[in-house]
PDB file of all heavy atoms in Angstrom:
ATOM      1  N   TRP A   1       6.114   4.552   8.272  1.00  0.00           N
ATOM      2  CA  TRP A   1       6.789   5.872   7.961  1.00  0.00           C
ATOM      3  C   TRP A   1       6.180   6.393   6.666  1.00  0.00           C
ATOM      4  O   TRP A   1       5.257   5.905   6.075  1.00  0.00           O
ATOM      5  CB  TRP A   1       8.319   5.581   7.906  1.00  0.00           C
ATOM      6  CG  TRP A   1       9.155   6.818   7.875  1.00  0.00           C
ATOM      7  CD1 TRP A   1      10.033   7.102   6.933  1.00  0.00           C
ATOM      8  CD2 TRP A   1       9.143   7.861   8.898  1.00  0.00           C
ATOM      9  NE1 TRP A   1      10.720   8.279   7.329  1.00  0.00           N
ATOM     10  CE2 TRP A   1      10.197   8.765   8.502  1.00  0.00           C
ATOM     11  CE3 TRP A   1       8.473   8.098  10.070  1.00  0.00           C
ATOM     12  CZ2 TRP A   1      10.513   9.925   9.186  1.00  0.00           C
ATOM     13  CZ3 TRP A   1       8.816   9.208  10.779  1.00  0.00           C
ATOM     14  CH2 TRP A   1       9.770  10.114  10.413  1.00  0.00           C
ATOM     15  N   ARG A   2       6.840   7.475   6.097  1.00  0.00           N
ATOM     16  CA  ARG A   2       6.405   8.012   4.862  1.00  0.00           C
ATOM     17  C   ARG A   2       6.625   7.083   3.740  1.00  0.00           C
ATOM     18  O   ARG A   2       7.277   6.010   3.917  1.00  0.00           O
ATOM     19  CB  ARG A   2       7.128   9.348   4.678  1.00  0.00           C
ATOM     20  CG  ARG A   2       8.627   9.231   4.496  1.00  0.00           C
ATOM     21  CD  ARG A   2       9.183  10.631   4.639  1.00  0.00           C
ATOM     22  NE  ARG A   2      10.615  10.498   4.540  1.00  0.00           N
ATOM     23  CZ  ARG A   2      11.430  11.532   4.878  1.00  0.00           C
ATOM     24  NH1 ARG A   2      10.933  12.639   5.289  1.00  0.00           N
ATOM     25  NH2 ARG A   2      12.795  11.344   4.797  1.00  0.00           N
ATOM     26  N   LEU A   3       6.151   7.437   2.533  1.00  0.00           N
ATOM     27  CA  LEU A   3       6.391   6.565   1.374  1.00  0.00           C
ATOM     28  C   LEU A   3       7.756   6.623   0.893  1.00  0.00           C
ATOM     29  O   LEU A   3       8.212   7.533   0.314  1.00  0.00           O
ATOM     30  CB  LEU A   3       5.419   7.030   0.261  1.00  0.00           C
ATOM     31  CG  LEU A   3       3.925   6.947   0.505  1.00  0.00           C
ATOM     32  CD1 LEU A   3       3.137   7.483  -0.647  1.00  0.00           C
ATOM     33  CD2 LEU A   3       3.492   5.482   0.771  1.00  0.00           C
ATOM     34  N   GLU A   4       8.527   5.447   1.199  1.00  0.00           N
ATOM     35  CA  GLU A   4       9.878   5.299   0.772  1.00  0.00           C
ATOM     36  C   GLU A   4      10.231   3.844   0.783  1.00  0.00           C
ATOM     37  O   GLU A   4       9.678   3.037   1.535  1.00  0.00           O
ATOM     38  CB  GLU A   4      10.779   6.098   1.663  1.00  0.00           C
ATOM     39  CG  GLU A   4      10.763   5.706   3.121  1.00  0.00           C
ATOM     40  CD  GLU A   4      11.654   6.476   4.046  1.00  0.00           C
ATOM     41  OE1 GLU A   4      11.909   7.715   3.707  1.00  0.00           O
ATOM     42  OE2 GLU A   4      12.229   5.873   4.984  1.00  0.00           O
ATOM     43  N   GLY A   5      11.251   3.481  -0.042  1.00  0.00           N
ATOM     44  CA  GLY A   5      11.725   2.125   0.030  1.00  0.00           C
ATOM     45  C   GLY A   5      10.780   1.001  -0.041  1.00  0.00           C
ATOM     46  O   GLY A   5      10.019   0.819  -1.002  1.00  0.00           O
ATOM     47  N   LEU A   6      10.684   0.307   1.136  1.00  0.00           N
ATOM     48  CA  LEU A   6       9.876  -0.951   1.169  1.00  0.00           C
ATOM     49  C   LEU A   6       8.422  -0.688   1.111  1.00  0.00           C
ATOM     50  O   LEU A   6       7.635  -1.595   0.790  1.00  0.00           O
ATOM     51  CB  LEU A   6      10.265  -1.700   2.429  1.00  0.00           C
ATOM     52  CG  LEU A   6       9.863  -3.123   2.521  1.00  0.00           C
ATOM     53  CD1 LEU A   6      10.481  -3.947   1.374  1.00  0.00           C
ATOM     54  CD2 LEU A   6      10.292  -3.702   3.818  1.00  0.00           C
ATOM     55  N   SER A   7       8.032   0.520   1.398  1.00  0.00           N
ATOM     56  CA  SER A   7       6.554   0.794   1.269  1.00  0.00           C
ATOM     57  C   SER A   7       5.960   0.626  -0.123  1.00  0.00           C
ATOM     58  O   SER A   7       4.821   0.609  -0.344  1.00  0.00           O
ATOM     59  CB  SER A   7       6.192   2.194   1.838  1.00  0.00           C
ATOM     60  OG  SER A   7       6.870   3.178   1.196  1.00  0.00           O
ATOM     61  N   ALA A   8       6.984   0.526  -1.115  1.00  0.00           N
ATOM     62  CA  ALA A   8       6.532   0.292  -2.526  1.00  0.00           C
ATOM     63  C   ALA A   8       5.768  -1.029  -2.583  1.00  0.00           C
ATOM     64  O   ALA A   8       4.952  -1.138  -3.518  1.00  0.00           O
ATOM     65  CB  ALA A   8       7.777   0.190  -3.374  1.00  0.00           C
ATOM     66  N   LEU A   9       5.916  -1.991  -1.728  1.00  0.00           N
ATOM     67  CA  LEU A   9       5.195  -3.219  -1.865  1.00  0.00           C
ATOM     68  C   LEU A   9       3.687  -3.033  -1.592  1.00  0.00           C
ATOM     69  O   LEU A   9       2.860  -3.654  -2.307  1.00  0.00           O
ATOM     70  CB  LEU A   9       5.689  -4.292  -0.840  1.00  0.00           C
ATOM     71  CG  LEU A   9       5.286  -4.279   0.585  1.00  0.00           C
ATOM     72  CD1 LEU A   9       4.025  -5.171   0.824  1.00  0.00           C
ATOM     73  CD2 LEU A   9       6.384  -4.669   1.487  1.00  0.00           C
ATOM     74  N   PHE A  10       3.362  -2.029  -0.789  1.00  0.00           N
ATOM     75  CA  PHE A  10       1.939  -1.715  -0.539  1.00  0.00           C
ATOM     76  C   PHE A  10       1.349  -0.937  -1.737  1.00  0.00           C
ATOM     77  O   PHE A  10       0.277  -1.165  -2.166  1.00  0.00           O
ATOM     78  CB  PHE A  10       1.811  -0.821   0.727  1.00  0.00           C
ATOM     79  CG  PHE A  10       2.211  -1.553   1.933  1.00  0.00           C
ATOM     80  CD1 PHE A  10       3.503  -1.464   2.422  1.00  0.00           C
ATOM     81  CD2 PHE A  10       1.302  -2.322   2.673  1.00  0.00           C
ATOM     82  CE1 PHE A  10       3.922  -2.174   3.554  1.00  0.00           C
ATOM     83  CE2 PHE A  10       1.652  -2.985   3.853  1.00  0.00           C
ATOM     84  CZ  PHE A  10       3.037  -2.931   4.306  1.00  0.00           C
ATOM     85  N   LEU A  11       2.165  -0.059  -2.319  1.00  0.00           N
ATOM     86  CA  LEU A  11       1.796   0.674  -3.492  1.00  0.00           C
ATOM     87  C   LEU A  11       1.560  -0.280  -4.672  1.00  0.00           C
ATOM     88  O   LEU A  11       0.644  -0.183  -5.466  1.00  0.00           O
ATOM     89  CB  LEU A  11       2.672   1.739  -3.838  1.00  0.00           C
ATOM     90  CG  LEU A  11       3.093   2.731  -2.757  1.00  0.00           C
ATOM     91  CD1 LEU A  11       3.958   3.874  -3.270  1.00  0.00           C
ATOM     92  CD2 LEU A  11       1.808   3.386  -2.140  1.00  0.00           C
ATOM     93  N   ALA A  12       2.451  -1.249  -4.844  1.00  0.00           N
ATOM     94  CA  ALA A  12       2.376  -2.227  -5.885  1.00  0.00           C
ATOM     95  C   ALA A  12       1.059  -3.021  -5.846  1.00  0.00           C
ATOM     96  O   ALA A  12       0.402  -3.340  -6.839  1.00  0.00           O
ATOM     97  CB  ALA A  12       3.590  -3.141  -5.943  1.00  0.00           C
ATOM     98  N   ALA A  13       0.717  -3.410  -4.592  1.00  0.00           N
ATOM     99  CA  ALA A  13      -0.510  -4.168  -4.389  1.00  0.00           C
ATOM    100  C   ALA A  13      -1.731  -3.426  -4.865  1.00  0.00           C
ATOM    101  O   ALA A  13      -2.705  -3.849  -5.283  1.00  0.00           O
ATOM    102  CB  ALA A  13      -0.605  -4.572  -2.928  1.00  0.00           C
ATOM    103  N   GLN A  14      -1.653  -2.035  -4.688  1.00  0.00           N
ATOM    104  CA  GLN A  14      -2.733  -1.101  -5.132  1.00  0.00           C
ATOM    105  C   GLN A  14      -2.679  -0.992  -6.680  1.00  0.00           C
ATOM    106  O   GLN A  14      -3.656  -1.304  -7.377  1.00  0.00           O
ATOM    107  CB  GLN A  14      -2.552   0.246  -4.522  1.00  0.00           C
ATOM    108  CG  GLN A  14      -3.195   0.416  -3.166  1.00  0.00           C
ATOM    109  CD  GLN A  14      -3.297   1.813  -2.714  1.00  0.00           C
ATOM    110  OE1 GLN A  14      -2.535   2.738  -3.154  1.00  0.00           O
ATOM    111  NE2 GLN A  14      -4.159   2.092  -1.801  1.00  0.00           N
ATOM    112  N   GLU A  15      -1.533  -0.502  -7.188  1.00  0.00           N
ATOM    113  CA  GLU A  15      -1.505  -0.136  -8.666  1.00  0.00           C
ATOM    114  C   GLU A  15      -1.685  -1.346  -9.571  1.00  0.00           C
ATOM    115  O   GLU A  15      -2.198  -1.165 -10.555  1.00  0.00           O
ATOM    116  CB  GLU A  15      -0.153   0.572  -8.886  1.00  0.00           C
ATOM    117  CG  GLU A  15      -0.056   2.029  -8.355  1.00  0.00           C
ATOM    118  CD  GLU A  15       0.939   2.778  -9.049  1.00  0.00           C
ATOM    119  OE1 GLU A  15       1.560   2.336 -10.009  1.00  0.00           O
ATOM    120  OE2 GLU A  15       1.134   3.934  -8.671  1.00  0.00           O
ATOM    121  N   LYS A  16      -1.239  -2.471  -9.088  1.00  0.00           N
ATOM    122  CA  LYS A  16      -1.345  -3.685  -9.919  1.00  0.00           C
ATOM    123  C   LYS A  16      -2.702  -4.355  -9.757  1.00  0.00           C
ATOM    124  O   LYS A  16      -2.949  -5.368 -10.363  1.00  0.00           O
ATOM    125  CB  LYS A  16      -0.231  -4.692  -9.642  1.00  0.00           C
ATOM    126  CG  LYS A  16       1.163  -4.152  -9.971  1.00  0.00           C
ATOM    127  CD  LYS A  16       1.309  -3.912 -11.420  1.00  0.00           C
ATOM    128  CE  LYS A  16       2.689  -3.467 -11.828  1.00  0.00           C
ATOM    129  NZ  LYS A  16       2.860  -3.311 -13.275  1.00  0.00           N
ATOM    130  N   GLY A  17      -3.551  -3.835  -8.879  1.00  0.00           N
ATOM    131  CA  GLY A  17      -4.876  -4.349  -8.742  1.00  0.00           C
ATOM    132  C   GLY A  17      -4.966  -5.572  -7.782  1.00  0.00           C
ATOM    133  O   GLY A  17      -5.930  -6.338  -7.771  1.00  0.00           O
ATOM    134  N   TYR A  18      -3.879  -5.938  -7.002  1.00  0.00           N
ATOM    135  CA  TYR A  18      -3.935  -7.130  -6.234  1.00  0.00           C
ATOM    136  C   TYR A  18      -4.863  -7.008  -5.106  1.00  0.00           C
ATOM    137  O   TYR A  18      -5.488  -8.006  -4.703  1.00  0.00           O
ATOM    138  CB  TYR A  18      -2.478  -7.361  -5.703  1.00  0.00           C
ATOM    139  CG  TYR A  18      -1.401  -7.570  -6.759  1.00  0.00           C
ATOM    140  CD1 TYR A  18      -0.015  -7.240  -6.498  1.00  0.00           C
ATOM    141  CD2 TYR A  18      -1.689  -7.988  -8.016  1.00  0.00           C
ATOM    142  CE1 TYR A  18       0.942  -7.361  -7.440  1.00  0.00           C
ATOM    143  CE2 TYR A  18      -0.714  -8.185  -9.001  1.00  0.00           C
ATOM    144  CZ  TYR A  18       0.599  -7.822  -8.682  1.00  0.00           C
ATOM    145  OH  TYR A  18       1.629  -7.906  -9.675  1.00  0.00           O
ATOM    146  N   PHE A  19      -4.970  -5.857  -4.528  1.00  0.00           N
ATOM    147  CA  PHE A  19      -5.949  -5.637  -3.458  1.00  0.00           C
ATOM    148  C   PHE A  19      -7.408  -5.850  -4.067  1.00  0.00           C
ATOM    149  O   PHE A  19      -8.289  -6.456  -3.539  1.00  0.00           O
ATOM    150  CB  PHE A  19      -5.879  -4.245  -2.853  1.00  0.00           C
ATOM    151  CG  PHE A  19      -4.735  -4.003  -1.970  1.00  0.00           C
ATOM    152  CD1 PHE A  19      -4.091  -2.801  -1.923  1.00  0.00           C
ATOM    153  CD2 PHE A  19      -4.252  -5.000  -1.171  1.00  0.00           C
ATOM    154  CE1 PHE A  19      -3.000  -2.567  -1.157  1.00  0.00           C
ATOM    155  CE2 PHE A  19      -3.245  -4.767  -0.251  1.00  0.00           C
ATOM    156  CZ  PHE A  19      -2.564  -3.565  -0.262  1.00  0.00           C
ATOM    157  N   GLY A  20      -7.604  -5.202  -5.189  1.00  0.00           N
ATOM    158  CA  GLY A  20      -8.864  -5.305  -5.898  1.00  0.00           C
ATOM    159  C   GLY A  20      -9.303  -6.703  -6.254  1.00  0.00           C
ATOM    160  O   GLY A  20     -10.417  -7.114  -6.118  1.00  0.00           O
ATOM    161  N   ALA A  21      -8.247  -7.513  -6.658  1.00  0.00           N
ATOM    162  CA  ALA A  21      -8.521  -8.852  -7.079  1.00  0.00           C
ATOM    163  C   ALA A  21      -9.010  -9.687  -5.840  1.00  0.00           C
ATOM    164  O   ALA A  21      -9.618 -10.740  -6.007  1.00  0.00           O
ATOM    165  CB  ALA A  21      -7.315  -9.418  -7.676  1.00  0.00           C
ATOM    166  N   GLU A  22      -8.669  -9.213  -4.619  1.00  0.00           N
ATOM    167  CA  GLU A  22      -9.085  -9.890  -3.419  1.00  0.00           C
ATOM    168  C   GLU A  22     -10.413  -9.357  -2.871  1.00  0.00           C
ATOM    169  O   GLU A  22     -10.785  -9.676  -1.657  1.00  0.00           O
ATOM    170  CB  GLU A  22      -7.980  -9.870  -2.365  1.00  0.00           C
ATOM    171  CG  GLU A  22      -6.697 -10.478  -2.724  1.00  0.00           C
ATOM    172  CD  GLU A  22      -6.768 -11.994  -2.822  1.00  0.00           C
ATOM    173  OE1 GLU A  22      -7.731 -12.602  -2.265  1.00  0.00           O
ATOM    174  OE2 GLU A  22      -5.826 -12.654  -3.300  1.00  0.00           O
ATOM    175  N   GLY A  23     -10.973  -8.407  -3.594  1.00  0.00           N
ATOM    176  CA  GLY A  23     -12.227  -7.778  -3.074  1.00  0.00           C
ATOM    177  C   GLY A  23     -11.976  -6.780  -1.942  1.00  0.00           C
ATOM    178  O   GLY A  23     -12.793  -6.600  -1.092  1.00  0.00           O
ATOM    179  N   LEU A  24     -10.850  -6.079  -1.966  1.00  0.00           N
ATOM    180  CA  LEU A  24     -10.569  -5.187  -0.898  1.00  0.00           C
ATOM    181  C   LEU A  24     -10.487  -3.648  -1.437  1.00  0.00           C
ATOM    182  O   LEU A  24     -10.008  -3.456  -2.492  1.00  0.00           O
ATOM    183  CB  LEU A  24      -9.153  -5.551  -0.227  1.00  0.00           C
ATOM    184  CG  LEU A  24      -8.982  -6.981   0.183  1.00  0.00           C
ATOM    185  CD1 LEU A  24      -7.613  -7.189   0.701  1.00  0.00           C
ATOM    186  CD2 LEU A  24      -9.950  -7.281   1.260  1.00  0.00           C
ATOM    187  N   ASP A  25     -10.887  -2.799  -0.626  1.00  0.00           N
ATOM    188  CA  ASP A  25     -10.696  -1.284  -0.852  1.00  0.00           C
ATOM    189  C   ASP A  25      -9.818  -0.880   0.212  1.00  0.00           C
ATOM    190  O   ASP A  25     -10.147  -0.462   1.346  1.00  0.00           O
ATOM    191  CB  ASP A  25     -12.157  -0.674  -0.721  1.00  0.00           C
ATOM    192  CG  ASP A  25     -12.029   0.874  -0.870  1.00  0.00           C
ATOM    193  OD1 ASP A  25     -10.967   1.351  -1.420  1.00  0.00           O
ATOM    194  OD2 ASP A  25     -12.900   1.521  -0.282  1.00  0.00           O
ATOM    195  N   VAL A  26      -8.472  -0.757  -0.104  1.00  0.00           N
ATOM    196  CA  VAL A  26      -7.499  -0.410   0.797  1.00  0.00           C
ATOM    197  C   VAL A  26      -7.079   1.023   0.645  1.00  0.00           C
ATOM    198  O   VAL A  26      -6.661   1.448  -0.440  1.00  0.00           O
ATOM    199  CB  VAL A  26      -6.225  -1.347   0.726  1.00  0.00           C
ATOM    200  CG1 VAL A  26      -5.130  -0.886   1.701  1.00  0.00           C
ATOM    201  CG2 VAL A  26      -6.663  -2.769   0.936  1.00  0.00           C
ATOM    202  N   VAL A  27      -7.139   1.790   1.768  1.00  0.00           N
ATOM    203  CA  VAL A  27      -6.635   3.194   1.799  1.00  0.00           C
ATOM    204  C   VAL A  27      -5.373   3.144   2.677  1.00  0.00           C
ATOM    205  O   VAL A  27      -5.437   2.753   3.829  1.00  0.00           O
ATOM    206  CB  VAL A  27      -7.670   4.197   2.321  1.00  0.00           C
ATOM    207  CG1 VAL A  27      -7.061   5.527   2.565  1.00  0.00           C
ATOM    208  CG2 VAL A  27      -8.857   4.246   1.421  1.00  0.00           C
ATOM    209  N   ILE A  28      -4.298   3.647   2.162  1.00  0.00           N
ATOM    210  CA  ILE A  28      -2.983   3.635   2.870  1.00  0.00           C
ATOM    211  C   ILE A  28      -2.643   5.042   3.360  1.00  0.00           C
ATOM    212  O   ILE A  28      -2.767   5.986   2.660  1.00  0.00           O
ATOM    213  CB  ILE A  28      -1.865   3.129   1.924  1.00  0.00           C
ATOM    214  CG1 ILE A  28      -2.211   1.693   1.411  1.00  0.00           C
ATOM    215  CG2 ILE A  28      -0.525   3.159   2.601  1.00  0.00           C
ATOM    216  CD1 ILE A  28      -1.347   1.224   0.324  1.00  0.00           C
ATOM    217  N   GLU A  29      -2.135   5.108   4.548  1.00  0.00           N
ATOM    218  CA  GLU A  29      -1.708   6.444   5.027  1.00  0.00           C
ATOM    219  C   GLU A  29      -0.266   6.305   5.593  1.00  0.00           C
ATOM    220  O   GLU A  29       0.038   5.378   6.316  1.00  0.00           O
ATOM    221  CB  GLU A  29      -2.567   6.980   6.154  1.00  0.00           C
ATOM    222  CG  GLU A  29      -2.222   8.290   6.687  1.00  0.00           C
ATOM    223  CD  GLU A  29      -3.188   9.066   7.502  1.00  0.00           C
ATOM    224  OE1 GLU A  29      -4.469   8.748   7.337  1.00  0.00           O
ATOM    225  OE2 GLU A  29      -2.891   9.799   8.409  1.00  0.00           O
ATOM    226  N   PRO A  30       0.592   7.256   5.331  1.00  0.00           N
ATOM    227  CA  PRO A  30       1.967   7.273   5.877  1.00  0.00           C
ATOM    228  C   PRO A  30       1.921   7.371   7.414  1.00  0.00           C
ATOM    229  O   PRO A  30       0.981   7.977   7.937  1.00  0.00           O
ATOM    230  CB  PRO A  30       2.559   8.475   5.192  1.00  0.00           C
ATOM    231  CG  PRO A  30       1.744   8.732   3.993  1.00  0.00           C
ATOM    232  CD  PRO A  30       0.393   8.330   4.328  1.00  0.00           C
ATOM    233  N   GLY A  31       2.908   6.826   8.077  1.00  0.00           N
ATOM    234  CA  GLY A  31       2.991   6.858   9.486  1.00  0.00           C
ATOM    235  C   GLY A  31       4.075   7.791   9.969  1.00  0.00           C
ATOM    236  O   GLY A  31       4.799   8.416   9.165  1.00  0.00           O
ATOM    237  N   VAL A  32       4.264   7.733  11.332  1.00  0.00           N
ATOM    238  CA  VAL A  32       5.243   8.564  11.937  1.00  0.00           C
ATOM    239  C   VAL A  32       6.185   7.841  12.850  1.00  0.00           C
ATOM    240  O   VAL A  32       6.734   8.290  13.855  1.00  0.00           O
ATOM    241  CB  VAL A  32       4.619   9.791  12.687  1.00  0.00           C
ATOM    242  CG1 VAL A  32       3.959  10.717  11.739  1.00  0.00           C
ATOM    243  CG2 VAL A  32       3.634   9.272  13.706  1.00  0.00           C
ATOM    244  N   GLY A  33       6.289   6.487  12.563  1.00  0.00           N
ATOM    245  CA  GLY A  33       7.117   5.586  13.391  1.00  0.00           C
ATOM    246  C   GLY A  33       6.538   4.238  13.558  1.00  0.00           C
ATOM    247  O   GLY A  33       5.362   4.112  13.840  1.00  0.00           O
ATOM    248  N   SER A  34       7.373   3.276  13.369  1.00  0.00           N
ATOM    249  CA  SER A  34       6.865   1.836  13.445  1.00  0.00           C
ATOM    250  C   SER A  34       6.371   1.468  14.844  1.00  0.00           C
ATOM    251  O   SER A  34       5.540   0.616  14.997  1.00  0.00           O
ATOM    252  CB  SER A  34       7.898   0.871  13.005  1.00  0.00           C
ATOM    253  OG  SER A  34       9.071   0.997  13.830  1.00  0.00           O
TER     254      SER A  34
END
Protein backbone atom coordinates (compact mmCIF):
# COMPACT_ATOMS: atom_id res chain seq x y z
CA TRP A 1 0.00 0.00 0.00
CA ARG A 2 1.07 3.60 0.24
CA LEU A 3 3.70 4.74 2.71
CA GLU A 4 2.12 4.40 6.13
CA GLY A 5 2.55 2.59 9.43
CA LEU A 6 4.49 -0.61 9.00
CA SER A 7 6.09 0.42 5.71
CA ALA A 8 8.44 2.44 7.91
CA LEU A 9 10.51 -0.72 8.33
CA PHE A 10 11.43 -0.58 4.63
CA LEU A 11 12.24 3.11 4.86
CA ALA A 12 14.39 2.52 7.93
CA ALA A 13 16.38 -0.12 6.05
CA GLN A 14 17.08 2.57 3.43
CA GLU A 15 17.74 5.60 5.58
CA LYS A 16 19.91 3.75 8.08
CA GLY A 17 22.00 2.23 5.29
CA TYR A 18 21.03 -1.38 6.06
CA PHE A 19 20.34 -2.16 2.41
CA GLY A 20 23.61 -0.52 1.43
CA ALA A 21 25.53 -2.50 4.03
CA GLU A 22 24.30 -5.65 2.28
CA GLY A 23 25.40 -4.38 -1.14
CA LEU A 24 21.85 -3.72 -2.33
CA ASP A 25 20.39 -0.86 -4.35
CA VAL A 26 16.71 -1.05 -3.38
CA VAL A 27 14.05 1.13 -5.01
CA ILE A 28 10.69 1.03 -3.22
CA GLU A 29 7.33 1.80 -4.80
CA PRO A 30 3.98 2.13 -3.01
CA GLY A 31 1.36 -0.44 -3.95
CA VAL A 32 -2.39 -0.54 -4.44
CA GLY A 33 -3.28 -3.62 -2.41
CA SER A 34 -1.52 -6.59 -0.83
